[in-house]
Amino acid sequence: MDGIEEKIGAHTDPRRLTYIRLICDAELADLPNEALEAICDSEALYVLTSAEGEKLAIVEGREQAFAAAAANRLIPVSVH
């Protein structure tokens, strides 16, 4: 095994993977003003996506993003 399989196991269901990364400026610009009003630090927003690239959630804080993945029985993978 190599790469991601080595880290999570070859028998992991890929539908349980969620990729976690910082939100990009274009995505931030697309958020409604009401959502931005509730955010303390817009530079600390993380996006959780499925393996197919579907946005599952936007969370403030890296630790909270990983906690959200765990709470939903997803396997978090950090993307840089």
PDB file of N, CA and C in Angstrom:
ATOM      1  N   MET A   1       0.839  -1.197   0.000  1.00  0.00           N
ATOM      2  CA  MET A   1       0.000   0.000   0.000  1.00  0.00           C
ATOM      3  C   MET A   1       0.869   1.241   0.000  1.00  0.00           C
ATOM      4  N   ASP A   2       0.345   2.303  -0.561  1.00  0.00           N
ATOM      5  CA  ASP A   2       1.055   3.564  -0.509  1.00  0.00           C
ATOM      6  C   ASP A   2       0.055   4.710  -0.482  1.00  0.00           C
ATOM      7  N   GLY A   3       0.538   5.883  -0.179  1.00  0.00           N
ATOM      8  CA  GLY A   3      -0.310   7.065  -0.170  1.00  0.00           C
ATOM      9  C   GLY A   3      -1.423   6.991   0.850  1.00  0.00           C
ATOM     10  N   ILE A   4      -2.629   7.403   0.421  1.00  0.00           N
ATOM     11  CA  ILE A   4      -3.767   7.502   1.329  1.00  0.00           C
ATOM     12  C   ILE A   4      -4.184   6.135   1.867  1.00  0.00           C
ATOM     13  N   GLU A   5      -4.076   5.090   1.046  1.00  0.00           N
ATOM     14  CA  GLU A   5      -4.448   3.755   1.510  1.00  0.00           C
ATOM     15  C   GLU A   5      -3.595   3.316   2.697  1.00  0.00           C
ATOM     16  N   GLU A   6      -2.333   3.694   2.676  1.00  0.00           N
ATOM     17  CA  GLU A   6      -1.442   3.335   3.781  1.00  0.00           C
ATOM     18  C   GLU A   6      -1.886   3.997   5.075  1.00  0.00           C
ATOM     19  N   LYS A   7      -2.399   5.210   4.972  1.00  0.00           N
ATOM     20  CA  LYS A   7      -2.788   5.957   6.160  1.00  0.00           C
ATOM     21  C   LYS A   7      -4.141   5.533   6.720  1.00  0.00           C
ATOM     22  N   ILE A   8      -5.091   5.174   5.838  1.00  0.00           N
ATOM     23  CA  ILE A   8      -6.443   4.880   6.315  1.00  0.00           C
ATOM     24  C   ILE A   8      -6.827   3.417   6.212  1.00  0.00           C
ATOM     25  N   GLY A   9      -6.073   2.630   5.460  1.00  0.00           N
ATOM     26  CA  GLY A   9      -6.390   1.213   5.294  1.00  0.00           C
ATOM     27  C   GLY A   9      -7.042   0.952   3.955  1.00  0.00           C
ATOM     28  N   ALA A  10      -6.659  -0.125   3.329  1.00  0.00           N
ATOM     29  CA  ALA A  10      -7.144  -0.447   1.987  1.00  0.00           C
ATOM     30  C   ALA A  10      -8.629  -0.779   1.962  1.00  0.00           C
ATOM     31  N   HIS A  11      -9.205  -1.154   3.099  1.00  0.00           N
ATOM     32  CA  HIS A  11     -10.600  -1.592   3.131  1.00  0.00           C
ATOM     33  C   HIS A  11     -11.558  -0.495   3.589  1.00  0.00           C
ATOM     34  N   THR A  12     -11.092   0.719   3.663  1.00  0.00           N
ATOM     35  CA  THR A  12     -11.939   1.838   4.082  1.00  0.00           C
ATOM     36  C   THR A  12     -12.898   2.203   2.953  1.00  0.00           C
ATOM     37  N   ASP A  13     -14.137   2.416   3.310  1.00  0.00           N
ATOM     38  CA  ASP A  13     -15.148   2.836   2.339  1.00  0.00           C
ATOM     39  C   ASP A  13     -14.843   4.269   1.918  1.00  0.00           C
ATOM     40  N   PRO A  14     -14.538   4.508   0.640  1.00  0.00           N
ATOM     41  CA  PRO A  14     -14.191   5.875   0.206  1.00  0.00           C
ATOM     42  C   PRO A  14     -15.327   6.877   0.393  1.00  0.00           C
ATOM     43  N   ARG A  15     -16.555   6.398   0.534  1.00  0.00           N
ATOM     44  CA  ARG A  15     -17.677   7.321   0.772  1.00  0.00           C
ATOM     45  C   ARG A  15     -17.618   7.936   2.158  1.00  0.00           C
ATOM     46  N   ARG A  16     -16.797   7.367   3.034  1.00  0.00           N
ATOM     47  CA  ARG A  16     -16.651   7.900   4.396  1.00  0.00           C
ATOM     48  C   ARG A  16     -15.546   8.937   4.491  1.00  0.00           C
ATOM     49  N   LEU A  17     -14.782   9.118   3.428  1.00  0.00           N
ATOM     50  CA  LEU A  17     -13.698  10.100   3.450  1.00  0.00           C
ATOM     51  C   LEU A  17     -14.257  11.505   3.314  1.00  0.00           C
ATOM     52  N   THR A  18     -13.685  12.428   4.042  1.00  0.00           N
ATOM     53  CA  THR A  18     -13.986  13.841   3.851  1.00  0.00           C
ATOM     54  C   THR A  18     -12.662  14.588   3.826  1.00  0.00           C
ATOM     55  N   TYR A  19     -12.538  15.430   2.844  1.00  0.00           N
ATOM     56  CA  TYR A  19     -11.311  16.208   2.678  1.00  0.00           C
ATOM     57  C   TYR A  19     -11.513  17.560   3.332  1.00  0.00           C
ATOM     58  N   ILE A  20     -10.525  17.973   4.120  1.00  0.00           N
ATOM     59  CA  ILE A  20     -10.613  19.222   4.885  1.00  0.00           C
ATOM     60  C   ILE A  20      -9.531  20.165   4.400  1.00  0.00           C
ATOM     61  N   ARG A  21      -9.956  21.381   4.028  1.00  0.00           N
ATOM     62  CA  ARG A  21      -9.009  22.384   3.544  1.00  0.00           C
ATOM     63  C   ARG A  21      -9.521  23.775   3.896  1.00  0.00           C
ATOM     64  N   LEU A  22      -8.610  24.735   3.882  1.00  0.00           N
ATOM     65  CA  LEU A  22      -9.007  26.129   4.085  1.00  0.00           C
ATOM     66  C   LEU A  22      -9.908  26.576   2.937  1.00  0.00           C
ATOM     67  N   ILE A  23     -10.845  27.436   3.242  1.00  0.00           N
ATOM     68  CA  ILE A  23     -11.724  27.961   2.211  1.00  0.00           C
ATOM     69  C   ILE A  23     -10.918  28.911   1.318  1.00  0.00           C
ATOM     70  N   CYS A  24     -11.208  28.917   0.038  1.00  0.00           N
ATOM     71  CA  CYS A  24     -10.505  29.831  -0.870  1.00  0.00           C
ATOM     72  C   CYS A  24     -11.295  31.141  -0.973  1.00  0.00           C
ATOM     73  N   ASP A  25     -10.643  32.176  -1.480  1.00  0.00           N
ATOM     74  CA  ASP A  25     -11.261  33.500  -1.555  1.00  0.00           C
ATOM     75  C   ASP A  25     -12.540  33.499  -2.388  1.00  0.00           C
ATOM     76  N   ALA A  26     -12.557  32.751  -3.484  1.00  0.00           N
ATOM     77  CA  ALA A  26     -13.744  32.712  -4.343  1.00  0.00           C
ATOM     78  C   ALA A  26     -14.935  32.108  -3.605  1.00  0.00           C
ATOM     79  N   GLU A  27     -14.685  31.056  -2.821  1.00  0.00           N
ATOM     80  CA  GLU A  27     -15.762  30.436  -2.044  1.00  0.00           C
ATOM     81  C   GLU A  27     -16.249  31.379  -0.956  1.00  0.00           C
ATOM     82  N   LEU A  28     -15.322  32.089  -0.349  1.00  0.00           N
ATOM     83  CA  LEU A  28     -15.670  33.043   0.698  1.00  0.00           C
ATOM     84  C   LEU A  28     -16.553  34.153   0.132  1.00  0.00           C
ATOM     85  N   ALA A  29     -16.227  34.607  -1.063  1.00  0.00           N
ATOM     86  CA  ALA A  29     -17.005  35.666  -1.709  1.00  0.00           C
ATOM     87  C   ALA A  29     -18.418  35.200  -2.049  1.00  0.00           C
ATOM     88  N   ASP A  30     -18.605  33.902  -2.238  1.00  0.00           N
ATOM     89  CA  ASP A  30     -19.916  33.354  -2.588  1.00  0.00           C
ATOM     90  C   ASP A  30     -20.839  33.161  -1.383  1.00  0.00           C
ATOM     91  N   LEU A  31     -20.289  33.262  -0.170  1.00  0.00           N
ATOM     92  CA  LEU A  31     -21.116  33.063   1.019  1.00  0.00           C
ATOM     93  C   LEU A  31     -22.051  34.254   1.216  1.00  0.00           C
ATOM     94  N   PRO A  32     -23.267  33.997   1.662  1.00  0.00           N
ATOM     95  CA  PRO A  32     -24.200  35.103   1.914  1.00  0.00           C
ATOM     96  C   PRO A  32     -23.738  35.960   3.091  1.00  0.00           C
ATOM     97  N   ASN A  33     -24.068  37.229   3.050  1.00  0.00           N
ATOM     98  CA  ASN A  33     -23.671  38.156   4.110  1.00  0.00           C
ATOM     99  C   ASN A  33     -24.143  37.691   5.480  1.00  0.00           C
ATOM    100  N   GLU A  34     -25.338  37.080   5.552  1.00  0.00           N
ATOM    101  CA  GLU A  34     -25.868  36.606   6.833  1.00  0.00           C
ATOM    102  C   GLU A  34     -24.938  35.554   7.449  1.00  0.00           C
ATOM    103  N   ALA A  35     -24.372  34.705   6.613  1.00  0.00           N
ATOM    104  CA  ALA A  35     -23.458  33.675   7.115  1.00  0.00           C
ATOM    105  C   ALA A  35     -22.163  34.305   7.603  1.00  0.00           C
ATOM    106  N   LEU A  36     -21.688  35.299   6.896  1.00  0.00           N
ATOM    107  CA  LEU A  36     -20.430  35.949   7.267  1.00  0.00           C
ATOM    108  C   LEU A  36     -20.542  36.736   8.563  1.00  0.00           C
ATOM    109  N   GLU A  37     -21.730  37.231   8.876  1.00  0.00           N
ATOM    110  CA  GLU A  37     -21.927  38.004  10.111  1.00  0.00           C
ATOM    111  C   GLU A  37     -21.676  37.162  11.365  1.00  0.00           C
ATOM    112  N   ALA A  38     -21.906  35.860  11.274  1.00  0.00           N
ATOM    113  CA  ALA A  38     -21.760  34.983  12.429  1.00  0.00           C
ATOM    114  C   ALA A  38     -20.336  34.454  12.587  1.00  0.00           C
ATOM    115  N   ILE A  39     -19.448  34.826  11.684  1.00  0.00           N
ATOM    116  CA  ILE A  39     -18.082  34.303  11.687  1.00  0.00           C
ATOM    117  C   ILE A  39     -17.153  35.282  12.388  1.00  0.00           C
ATOM    118  N   CYS A  40     -16.347  34.753  13.310  1.00  0.00           N
ATOM    119  CA  CYS A  40     -15.380  35.591  14.020  1.00  0.00           C
ATOM    120  C   CYS A  40     -14.120  35.807  13.192  1.00  0.00           C
ATOM    121  N   ASP A  41     -13.644  34.760  12.535  1.00  0.00           N
ATOM    122  CA  ASP A  41     -12.384  34.836  11.791  1.00  0.00           C
ATOM    123  C   ASP A  41     -12.558  34.156  10.437  1.00  0.00           C
ATOM    124  N   SER A  42     -12.809  34.934   9.405  1.00  0.00           N
ATOM    125  CA  SER A  42     -13.051  34.365   8.070  1.00  0.00           C
ATOM    126  C   SER A  42     -11.809  33.680   7.489  1.00  0.00           C
ATOM    127  N   GLU A  43     -10.634  33.973   8.047  1.00  0.00           N
ATOM    128  CA  GLU A  43      -9.415  33.314   7.572  1.00  0.00           C
ATOM    129  C   GLU A  43      -9.223  31.944   8.211  1.00  0.00           C
ATOM    130  N   ALA A  44     -10.136  31.560   9.113  1.00  0.00           N
ATOM    131  CA  ALA A  44     -10.050  30.263   9.774  1.00  0.00           C
ATOM    132  C   ALA A  44     -11.197  29.345   9.358  1.00  0.00           C
ATOM    133  N   LEU A  45     -11.764  29.588   8.169  1.00  0.00           N
ATOM    134  CA  LEU A  45     -12.854  28.747   7.695  1.00  0.00           C
ATOM    135  C   LEU A  45     -12.315  27.557   6.921  1.00  0.00           C
ATOM    136  N   TYR A  46     -12.846  26.393   7.223  1.00  0.00           N
ATOM    137  CA  TYR A  46     -12.439  25.151   6.580  1.00  0.00           C
ATOM    138  C   TYR A  46     -13.637  24.532   5.884  1.00  0.00           C
ATOM    139  N   VAL A  47     -13.375  23.951   4.712  1.00  0.00           N
ATOM    140  CA  VAL A  47     -14.398  23.284   3.928  1.00  0.00           C
ATOM    141  C   VAL A  47     -14.197  21.780   4.057  1.00  0.00           C
ATOM    142  N   LEU A  48     -15.288  21.072   4.298  1.00  0.00           N
ATOM    143  CA  LEU A  48     -15.280  19.615   4.277  1.00  0.00           C
ATOM    144  C   LEU A  48     -15.952  19.197   2.979  1.00  0.00           C
ATOM    145  N   THR A  49     -15.261  18.395   2.180  1.00  0.00           N
ATOM    146  CA  THR A  49     -15.824  17.948   0.904  1.00  0.00           C
ATOM    147  C   THR A  49     -15.789  16.423   0.823  1.00  0.00           C
ATOM    148  N   SER A  50     -16.658  15.903  -0.024  1.00  0.00           N
ATOM    149  CA  SER A  50     -16.660  14.466  -0.295  1.00  0.00           C
ATOM    150  C   SER A  50     -15.547  14.152  -1.288  1.00  0.00           C
ATOM    151  N   ALA A  51     -15.329  12.872  -1.526  1.00  0.00           N
ATOM    152  CA  ALA A  51     -14.313  12.456  -2.501  1.00  0.00           C
ATOM    153  C   ALA A  51     -14.649  12.969  -3.895  1.00  0.00           C
ATOM    154  N   GLU A  52     -15.922  13.214  -4.159  1.00  0.00           N
ATOM    155  CA  GLU A  52     -16.358  13.731  -5.458  1.00  0.00           C
ATOM    156  C   GLU A  52     -16.294  15.256  -5.540  1.00  0.00           C
ATOM    157  N   GLY A  53     -15.903  15.911  -4.454  1.00  0.00           N
ATOM    158  CA  GLY A  53     -15.776  17.359  -4.446  1.00  0.00           C
ATOM    159  C   GLY A  53     -17.010  18.102  -3.961  1.00  0.00           C
ATOM    160  N   GLU A  54     -18.044  17.380  -3.534  1.00  0.00           N
ATOM    161  CA  GLU A  54     -19.251  18.016  -3.036  1.00  0.00           C
ATOM    162  C   GLU A  54     -18.975  18.637  -1.670  1.00  0.00           C
ATOM    163  N   LYS A  55     -19.339  19.906  -1.492  1.00  0.00           N
ATOM    164  CA  LYS A  55     -19.167  20.568  -0.196  1.00  0.00           C
ATOM    165  C   LYS A  55     -20.167  19.989   0.788  1.00  0.00           C
ATOM    166  N   LEU A  56     -19.644  19.517   1.907  1.00  0.00           N
ATOM    167  CA  LEU A  56     -20.485  18.953   2.953  1.00  0.00           C
ATOM    168  C   LEU A  56     -20.729  19.954   4.067  1.00  0.00           C
ATOM    169  N   ALA A  57     -19.727  20.784   4.358  1.00  0.00           N
ATOM    170  CA  ALA A  57     -19.858  21.764   5.441  1.00  0.00           C
ATOM    171  C   ALA A  57     -18.749  22.792   5.341  1.00  0.00           C
ATOM    172  N   ILE A  58     -19.007  23.932   5.940  1.00  0.00           N
ATOM    173  CA  ILE A  58     -17.994  24.968   6.137  1.00  0.00           C
ATOM    174  C   ILE A  58     -17.972  25.232   7.635  1.00  0.00           C
ATOM    175  N   VAL A  59     -16.781  25.106   8.225  1.00  0.00           N
ATOM    176  CA  VAL A  59     -16.647  25.167   9.679  1.00  0.00           C
ATOM    177  C   VAL A  59     -15.550  26.161  10.043  1.00  0.00           C
ATOM    178  N   GLU A  60     -15.765  26.883  11.119  1.00  0.00           N
ATOM    179  CA  GLU A  60     -14.759  27.827  11.597  1.00  0.00           C
ATOM    180  C   GLU A  60     -13.800  27.108  12.542  1.00  0.00           C
ATOM    181  N   GLY A  61     -12.557  26.975  12.120  1.00  0.00           N
ATOM    182  CA  GLY A  61     -11.527  26.355  12.940  1.00  0.00           C
ATOM    183  C   GLY A  61     -11.185  24.950  12.472  1.00  0.00           C
ATOM    184  N   ARG A  62      -9.890  24.667  12.424  1.00  0.00           N
ATOM    185  CA  ARG A  62      -9.414  23.356  11.959  1.00  0.00           C
ATOM    186  C   ARG A  62      -9.855  22.239  12.902  1.00  0.00           C
ATOM    187  N   GLU A  63      -9.701  22.450  14.192  1.00  0.00           N
ATOM    188  CA  GLU A  63     -10.107  21.428  15.159  1.00  0.00           C
ATOM    189  C   GLU A  63     -11.601  21.140  15.062  1.00  0.00           C
ATOM    190  N   GLN A  64     -12.397  22.178  14.863  1.00  0.00           N
ATOM    191  CA  GLN A  64     -13.841  21.998  14.734  1.00  0.00           C
ATOM    192  C   GLN A  64     -14.182  21.232  13.453  1.00  0.00           C
ATOM    193  N   ALA A  65     -13.413  21.445  12.388  1.00  0.00           N
ATOM    194  CA  ALA A  65     -13.642  20.711  11.141  1.00  0.00           C
ATOM    195  C   ALA A  65     -13.410  19.223  11.349  1.00  0.00           C
ATOM    196  N   PHE A  66     -12.326  18.880  12.033  1.00  0.00           N
ATOM    197  CA  PHE A  66     -12.046  17.469  12.309  1.00  0.00           C
ATOM    198  C   PHE A  66     -13.090  16.883  13.258  1.00  0.00           C
ATOM    199  N   ALA A  67     -13.541  17.678  14.229  1.00  0.00           N
ATOM    200  CA  ALA A  67     -14.579  17.214  15.154  1.00  0.00           C
ATOM    201  C   ALA A  67     -15.900  16.985  14.411  1.00  0.00           C
ATOM    202  N   ALA A  68     -16.228  17.859  13.465  1.00  0.00           N
ATOM    203  CA  ALA A  68     -17.452  17.688  12.677  1.00  0.00           C
ATOM    204  C   ALA A  68     -17.384  16.407  11.847  1.00  0.00           C
ATOM    205  N   ALA A  69     -16.214  16.127  11.288  1.00  0.00           N
ATOM    206  CA  ALA A  69     -16.038  14.886  10.526  1.00  0.00           C
ATOM    207  C   ALA A  69     -16.254  13.679  11.437  1.00  0.00           C
ATOM    208  N   ALA A  70     -15.629  13.687  12.591  1.00  0.00           N
ATOM    209  CA  ALA A  70     -15.752  12.571  13.530  1.00  0.00           C
ATOM    210  C   ALA A  70     -17.192  12.398  14.011  1.00  0.00           C
ATOM    211  N   ALA A  71     -17.864  13.504  14.279  1.00  0.00           N
ATOM    212  CA  ALA A  71     -19.248  13.440  14.753  1.00  0.00           C
ATOM    213  C   ALA A  71     -20.179  12.820  13.712  1.00  0.00           C
ATOM    214  N   ASN A  72     -19.796  12.905  12.456  1.00  0.00           N
ATOM    215  CA  ASN A  72     -20.603  12.348  11.371  1.00  0.00           C
ATOM    216  C   ASN A  72     -20.038  11.042  10.835  1.00  0.00           C
ATOM    217  N   ARG A  73     -19.143  10.441  11.627  1.00  0.00           N
ATOM    218  CA  ARG A  73     -18.533   9.147  11.283  1.00  0.00           C
ATOM    219  C   ARG A  73     -17.814   9.183   9.942  1.00  0.00           C
ATOM    220  N   LEU A  74     -17.185  10.310   9.657  1.00  0.00           N
ATOM    221  CA  LEU A  74     -16.396  10.462   8.441  1.00  0.00           C
ATOM    222  C   LEU A  74     -14.920  10.376   8.800  1.00  0.00           C
ATOM    223  N   ILE A  75     -14.126  10.019   7.826  1.00  0.00           N
ATOM    224  CA  ILE A  75     -12.680   9.911   8.016  1.00  0.00           C
ATOM    225  C   ILE A  75     -12.060  11.172   7.410  1.00  0.00           C
ATOM    226  N   PRO A  76     -11.515  12.060   8.244  1.00  0.00           N
ATOM    227  CA  PRO A  76     -10.960  13.311   7.737  1.00  0.00           C
ATOM    228  C   PRO A  76      -9.567  13.122   7.111  1.00  0.00           C
ATOM    229  N   VAL A  77      -9.370  13.816   6.000  1.00  0.00           N
ATOM    230  CA  VAL A  77      -8.081  13.837   5.325  1.00  0.00           C
ATOM    231  C   VAL A  77      -7.761  15.307   5.087  1.00  0.00           C
ATOM    232  N   SER A  78      -6.625  15.752   5.601  1.00  0.00           N
ATOM    233  CA  SER A  78      -6.212  17.148   5.436  1.00  0.00           C
ATOM    234  C   SER A  78      -5.677  17.376   4.035  1.00  0.00           C
ATOM    235  N   VAL A  79      -6.116  18.445   3.412  1.00  0.00           N
ATOM    236  CA  VAL A  79      -5.652  18.827   2.079  1.00  0.00           C
ATOM    237  C   VAL A  79      -4.960  20.175   2.214  1.00  0.00           C
ATOM    238  N   HIS A  80      -3.790  20.300   1.634  1.00  0.00           N
ATOM    239  CA  HIS A  80      -3.041  21.554   1.735  1.00  0.00           C
ATOM    240  C   HIS A  80      -3.150  22.358   0.470  1.00  0.00           C
TER     241      HIS A  80
END
